[in-house]
Amino acid sequence: MSSSLSLAPVTKSDIPEVLDFVLRARAELFPKLSLTGLPNDLAHFEQVYLEGAGRFLRVRDAGRIVAAIGYLPYDHRFKQLNYHGLKVVEVVRLFVLPEYRRSGLAGRLYQALRALAAQEGVEVMYLHTHPFLPGAIDFWQRQGFNVVDVEADPLWQTTHMQYRLPVPE
């Protein structure tokens, strides 16, 4: 990572800026979702990511947030996925400013998140993405994720992916 970039867990004082960054990025990628209100994890950011079992990382460049990613405990809302009995987290909110993309930053950010998950005994990292997000499925496959289901919905074609963390010896 460039010496001007700093990757760190989000702190309480970061929350307002992180929320602003994430909500702007989300509105650009999913304009219709920005009309549906604040997602629960963001509305309760401190409880979910700082006090709870979730984790959230951010990258700053010259003091400005340029990338973020998080995970939270998987909630079993997709019935076709059977993760019962496993410690599973859902990777959420990977956003990188356009001018920082294609530099390896997203991969480094994810690797740092994966290291946290491994330290906490996570067995599976789950995520879902969509084919209309340029390069998303390929990116996650390069990180070791496998496609486990693709929903037939013609609009979203939600693509469910997982990464099974190596079992420590």
Protein backbone atom coordinates (compact mmCIF):
# COMPACT_ATOMS: atom_id res chain seq x y z
CA MET A 1 0.00 0.00 0.00
CA SER A 2 1.24 3.50 -0.74
CA SER A 3 2.79 5.25 2.24
CA SER A 4 0.07 7.91 2.04
CA LEU A 5 -2.70 5.31 2.45
CA SER A 6 -3.65 4.17 5.93
CA LEU A 7 -5.83 1.11 6.51
CA ALA A 8 -7.37 0.78 9.97
CA PRO A 9 -10.46 -0.41 11.81
CA VAL A 10 -13.17 2.22 12.04
CA THR A 11 -13.24 4.04 15.38
CA LYS A 12 -16.13 5.83 17.04
CA SER A 13 -14.85 9.19 15.80
CA ASP A 14 -14.73 7.84 12.21
CA ILE A 15 -18.41 6.84 12.15
CA PRO A 16 -19.97 10.05 10.72
CA GLU A 17 -17.43 10.22 7.89
CA VAL A 18 -17.63 6.48 7.18
CA LEU A 19 -21.43 6.64 7.01
CA ASP A 20 -21.25 9.58 4.62
CA PHE A 21 -18.73 7.73 2.42
CA VAL A 22 -20.71 4.47 2.38
CA LEU A 23 -24.07 6.14 1.76
CA ARG A 24 -22.70 8.19 -1.14
CA ALA A 25 -21.09 5.14 -2.74
CA ARG A 26 -24.24 3.07 -2.20
CA ALA A 27 -26.41 5.79 -3.78
CA GLU A 28 -24.17 5.86 -6.86
CA LEU A 29 -24.27 2.08 -7.35
CA PHE A 30 -27.88 1.52 -6.26
CA PRO A 31 -29.83 4.77 -6.76
CA LYS A 32 -33.20 3.14 -6.05
CA LEU A 33 -31.98 1.67 -2.76
CA SER A 34 -31.03 5.11 -1.47
CA LEU A 35 -34.76 5.89 -1.37
CA THR A 36 -35.53 2.95 0.92
CA GLY A 37 -34.02 4.43 4.06
CA LEU A 38 -30.97 3.65 6.12
CA PRO A 39 -30.06 -0.05 6.34
CA ASN A 40 -30.17 -1.46 9.87
CA ASP A 41 -26.41 -2.11 10.09
CA LEU A 42 -25.66 1.50 9.17
CA ALA A 43 -28.39 2.94 11.41
CA HIS A 44 -26.79 1.05 14.31
CA PHE A 45 -23.18 1.22 13.12
CA GLU A 46 -21.54 1.46 16.53
CA GLN A 47 -23.54 -1.43 17.99
CA VAL A 48 -23.01 -3.68 14.95
CA TYR A 49 -19.40 -2.97 13.97
CA LEU A 50 -17.69 -1.65 17.10
CA GLU A 51 -19.54 -3.28 20.00
CA GLY A 52 -20.95 -6.36 18.25
CA ALA A 53 -19.46 -9.19 16.22
CA GLY A 54 -19.21 -7.12 13.04
CA ARG A 55 -16.01 -5.47 11.84
CA PHE A 56 -15.45 -2.50 9.54
CA LEU A 57 -12.22 -1.21 7.97
CA ARG A 58 -11.50 2.01 6.19
CA VAL A 59 -8.63 3.39 4.10
CA ARG A 60 -7.64 7.04 4.20
CA ASP A 61 -5.48 8.98 1.78
CA ALA A 62 -4.34 12.39 2.98
CA GLY A 63 -7.00 12.22 5.67
CA ARG A 64 -9.89 11.43 3.33
CA ILE A 65 -11.70 8.06 3.31
CA VAL A 66 -11.18 6.42 -0.09
CA ALA A 67 -12.25 2.83 0.57
CA ALA A 68 -14.17 0.74 3.09
CA ILE A 69 -15.33 -2.81 3.77
CA GLY A 70 -17.03 -4.66 6.58
CA TYR A 71 -18.52 -7.90 7.74
CA LEU A 72 -21.30 -8.82 10.09
CA PRO A 73 -22.67 -12.12 11.38
CA TYR A 74 -24.66 -13.88 8.67
CA ASP A 75 -28.41 -13.78 9.43
CA HIS A 76 -29.59 -16.88 7.48
CA ARG A 77 -32.09 -14.86 5.41
CA PHE A 78 -31.40 -16.80 2.19
CA LYS A 79 -33.09 -20.15 2.72
CA GLN A 80 -31.21 -21.84 -0.15
CA LEU A 81 -27.93 -21.41 1.75
CA ASN A 82 -27.33 -23.84 4.59
CA TYR A 83 -24.79 -22.40 6.99
CA HIS A 84 -26.37 -23.68 10.20
CA GLY A 85 -23.82 -24.84 12.74
CA LEU A 86 -21.01 -22.79 11.17
CA LYS A 87 -19.51 -19.46 12.18
CA VAL A 88 -20.34 -17.38 9.09
CA VAL A 89 -19.95 -13.68 8.40
CA GLU A 90 -21.33 -11.69 5.50
CA VAL A 91 -18.90 -9.39 3.70
CA VAL A 92 -20.63 -6.06 3.12
CA ARG A 93 -20.09 -2.59 1.76
CA LEU A 94 -16.86 -2.86 -0.21
CA PHE A 95 -16.58 0.55 -1.79
CA VAL A 96 -13.51 2.11 -3.39
CA LEU A 97 -13.49 5.58 -4.93
CA PRO A 98 -13.21 5.34 -8.74
CA GLU A 99 -9.79 6.98 -8.89
CA TYR A 100 -8.39 4.31 -6.53
CA ARG A 101 -9.77 1.31 -8.40
CA ARG A 102 -7.61 -1.13 -10.40
CA SER A 103 -4.70 -0.48 -8.03
CA GLY A 104 -5.02 -3.57 -5.83
CA LEU A 105 -6.49 -1.55 -2.96
CA ALA A 106 -9.75 -3.52 -2.78
CA GLY A 107 -7.84 -6.79 -2.62
CA ARG A 108 -5.57 -5.53 0.17
CA LEU A 109 -8.58 -4.22 2.07
CA TYR A 110 -10.36 -7.56 1.76
CA GLN A 111 -7.21 -9.46 2.81
CA ALA A 112 -7.07 -7.38 5.99
CA LEU A 113 -10.73 -8.16 6.68
CA ARG A 114 -10.15 -11.86 6.03
CA ALA A 115 -7.25 -11.83 8.51
CA LEU A 116 -9.59 -10.40 11.16
CA ALA A 117 -12.15 -13.11 10.39
CA ALA A 118 -9.50 -15.81 10.71
CA GLN A 119 -8.38 -14.42 14.09
CA GLU A 120 -11.99 -14.57 15.27
CA GLY A 121 -12.51 -18.18 14.24
CA VAL A 122 -14.80 -17.50 11.29
CA GLU A 123 -15.32 -20.61 9.16
CA VAL A 124 -17.08 -19.14 6.10
CA MET A 125 -17.14 -15.68 4.57
CA TYR A 126 -20.31 -15.20 2.54
CA LEU A 127 -21.32 -12.37 0.22
CA HIS A 128 -23.72 -11.65 -2.56
CA THR A 129 -23.19 -9.45 -5.57
CA HIS A 130 -24.75 -8.80 -8.95
CA PRO A 131 -23.60 -9.20 -12.58
CA PHE A 132 -24.43 -5.55 -13.34
CA LEU A 133 -21.62 -4.43 -11.01
CA PRO A 134 -18.62 -4.31 -13.38
CA GLY A 135 -15.94 -6.79 -12.42
CA ALA A 136 -17.47 -7.72 -9.05
CA ILE A 137 -17.87 -11.47 -9.59
CA ASP A 138 -14.41 -11.78 -11.17
CA PHE A 139 -12.87 -9.76 -8.33
CA TRP A 140 -14.34 -12.03 -5.67
CA GLN A 141 -13.33 -15.16 -7.57
CA ARG A 142 -9.75 -13.84 -7.64
CA GLN A 143 -9.99 -13.54 -3.84
CA GLY A 144 -10.85 -17.24 -3.62
CA PHE A 145 -14.64 -17.05 -3.46
CA ASN A 146 -16.82 -19.62 -5.23
CA VAL A 147 -20.30 -19.05 -6.65
CA VAL A 148 -22.77 -21.17 -4.67
CA ASP A 149 -26.08 -19.92 -6.12
CA VAL A 150 -27.44 -17.49 -8.71
CA GLU A 151 -31.03 -16.36 -8.29
CA ALA A 152 -33.26 -16.44 -11.37
CA ASP A 153 -34.56 -12.89 -10.82
CA PRO A 154 -34.07 -11.15 -14.21
CA LEU A 155 -33.32 -7.75 -12.64
CA TRP A 156 -30.87 -8.52 -9.82
CA GLN A 157 -29.53 -12.01 -10.65
CA THR A 158 -28.19 -12.07 -7.11
CA THR A 159 -24.99 -14.11 -7.12
CA HIS A 160 -24.20 -15.79 -3.79
CA MET A 161 -20.55 -16.53 -3.10
CA GLN A 162 -18.53 -18.04 -0.28
CA TYR A 163 -14.97 -18.46 0.90
CA ARG A 164 -14.18 -21.22 3.40
CA LEU A 165 -11.33 -20.18 5.64
CA PRO A 166 -8.58 -22.73 6.18
CA VAL A 167 -8.92 -24.65 9.43
CA PRO A 168 -6.05 -23.72 11.78
CA GLU A 169 -3.79 -26.63 12.69
